[in-house]
Protein backbone atom coordinates (compact mmCIF):
# COMPACT_ATOMS: atom_id res chain seq x y z
CA MET A 1 -17.94 125.02 116.74
CA ARG A 2 -19.50 126.81 119.99
CA TYR A 3 -17.60 125.85 123.51
CA PHE A 4 -20.05 125.60 126.08
CA PRO A 5 -17.88 125.31 129.42
CA ALA A 6 -19.12 123.28 132.69
CA MET A 7 -18.02 125.59 135.50
CA SER A 8 -18.08 129.20 135.38
CA LYS A 9 -14.47 130.98 136.28
CA VAL A 10 -15.83 131.85 140.17
CA GLU A 11 -16.62 127.65 140.42
CA ILE A 12 -13.52 126.49 139.52
CA ILE A 13 -11.98 129.56 141.88
CA GLU A 14 -14.10 127.92 145.00
CA GLU A 15 -13.18 124.62 144.39
CA LEU A 16 -9.65 124.99 143.85
CA PRO A 17 -9.26 124.85 148.35
CA LYS A 18 -11.31 121.35 148.00
CA LEU A 19 -8.20 119.49 145.91
CA THR A 20 -5.62 117.38 147.08
CA PRO A 21 -1.62 119.02 146.80
CA ALA A 22 -0.91 116.85 144.48
CA GLU A 23 -4.03 118.08 142.23
CA ARG A 24 -3.40 121.61 142.91
CA GLU A 25 0.40 120.80 141.52
CA GLU A 26 -0.66 119.05 138.47
CA ILE A 27 -2.78 122.90 138.03
CA ARG A 28 0.49 124.55 138.60
CA LEU A 29 2.09 122.99 136.41
CA LYS A 30 0.06 122.84 133.76
CA LEU A 31 -0.43 126.84 134.33
CA ALA A 32 3.17 127.35 134.23
CA GLU A 33 2.95 125.05 131.22
CA LEU A 34 0.49 127.58 129.33
CA ASP A 35 1.85 130.67 130.66
CA GLY A 36 5.98 130.02 130.41
CA ASN A 37 7.99 131.51 133.51
CA ASP A 38 6.24 134.74 133.50
CA TRP A 39 4.43 133.61 137.29
CA LEU A 40 5.15 137.18 138.93
CA ASP A 41 6.50 139.72 136.07
CA GLU A 42 5.76 143.68 135.73
CA ASP A 43 2.52 143.16 135.42
CA ASP A 44 1.78 141.51 139.29
CA PRO A 45 4.79 143.59 140.83
CA LEU A 46 5.12 142.59 145.01
CA THR A 47 3.18 144.99 147.38
CA PRO A 48 5.09 147.56 149.27
CA ASP A 49 4.02 145.00 152.32
CA GLU A 50 5.74 141.88 150.37
CA LYS A 51 8.18 144.21 149.13
CA ALA A 52 9.52 145.39 153.20
CA LEU A 53 8.73 141.75 154.27
CA LEU A 54 11.49 140.07 152.29
CA ASP A 55 13.61 143.09 152.42
CA SER A 56 13.51 142.43 156.36
CA ARG A 57 13.95 139.22 156.11
CA ILE A 58 17.03 139.06 153.87
CA ALA A 59 18.57 141.52 156.30
CA ALA A 60 17.72 138.79 159.65
CA HIS A 61 19.30 136.20 156.98
CA GLU A 62 22.55 138.74 156.51
CA LYS A 63 22.90 139.68 160.42
CA ASN A 64 22.74 135.76 161.20
CA PRO A 65 23.06 133.48 158.59
CA GLY A 66 23.34 130.78 160.81
CA THR A 67 20.20 130.70 161.82
CA ALA A 68 19.17 129.42 158.12
CA ILE A 69 18.47 125.61 157.72
CA PRO A 70 18.98 123.67 154.07
CA TRP A 71 16.16 123.82 151.62
CA ASP A 72 15.80 119.82 151.96
CA GLU A 73 15.49 119.92 155.96
CA PHE A 74 12.91 123.03 155.67
CA GLU A 75 10.75 120.64 152.89
CA ALA A 76 10.91 117.60 155.04
CA ARG A 77 9.79 119.97 157.93
CA LEU A 78 6.86 121.52 156.26
CA LYS A 79 5.77 117.78 155.05
CA ARG A 80 5.68 116.68 158.53
CA ARG A 81 4.00 120.02 159.41
CA LEU A 82 1.00 119.44 157.03
CA GLY A 83 0.85 115.14 157.28
CA GLU A 84 2.42 114.70 154.03
């Protein structure tokens, strides 16, 4: 049996931004199901810039932990900002 894809990989990637947040979440869950928990493994390390950003944010938090907010509050603010 031969497989004839309806869309190329490039076409699929181009369509991703057009999906709703719920549709993108469905895709993320399916990919996680297929790939397991290896979303960021040794084959896909942080760039030096990403590591530096994380290090600076961790240092800022350790210096002033009182500025942190609970996850629920962050999530609510983000949803309001995104209009969800």
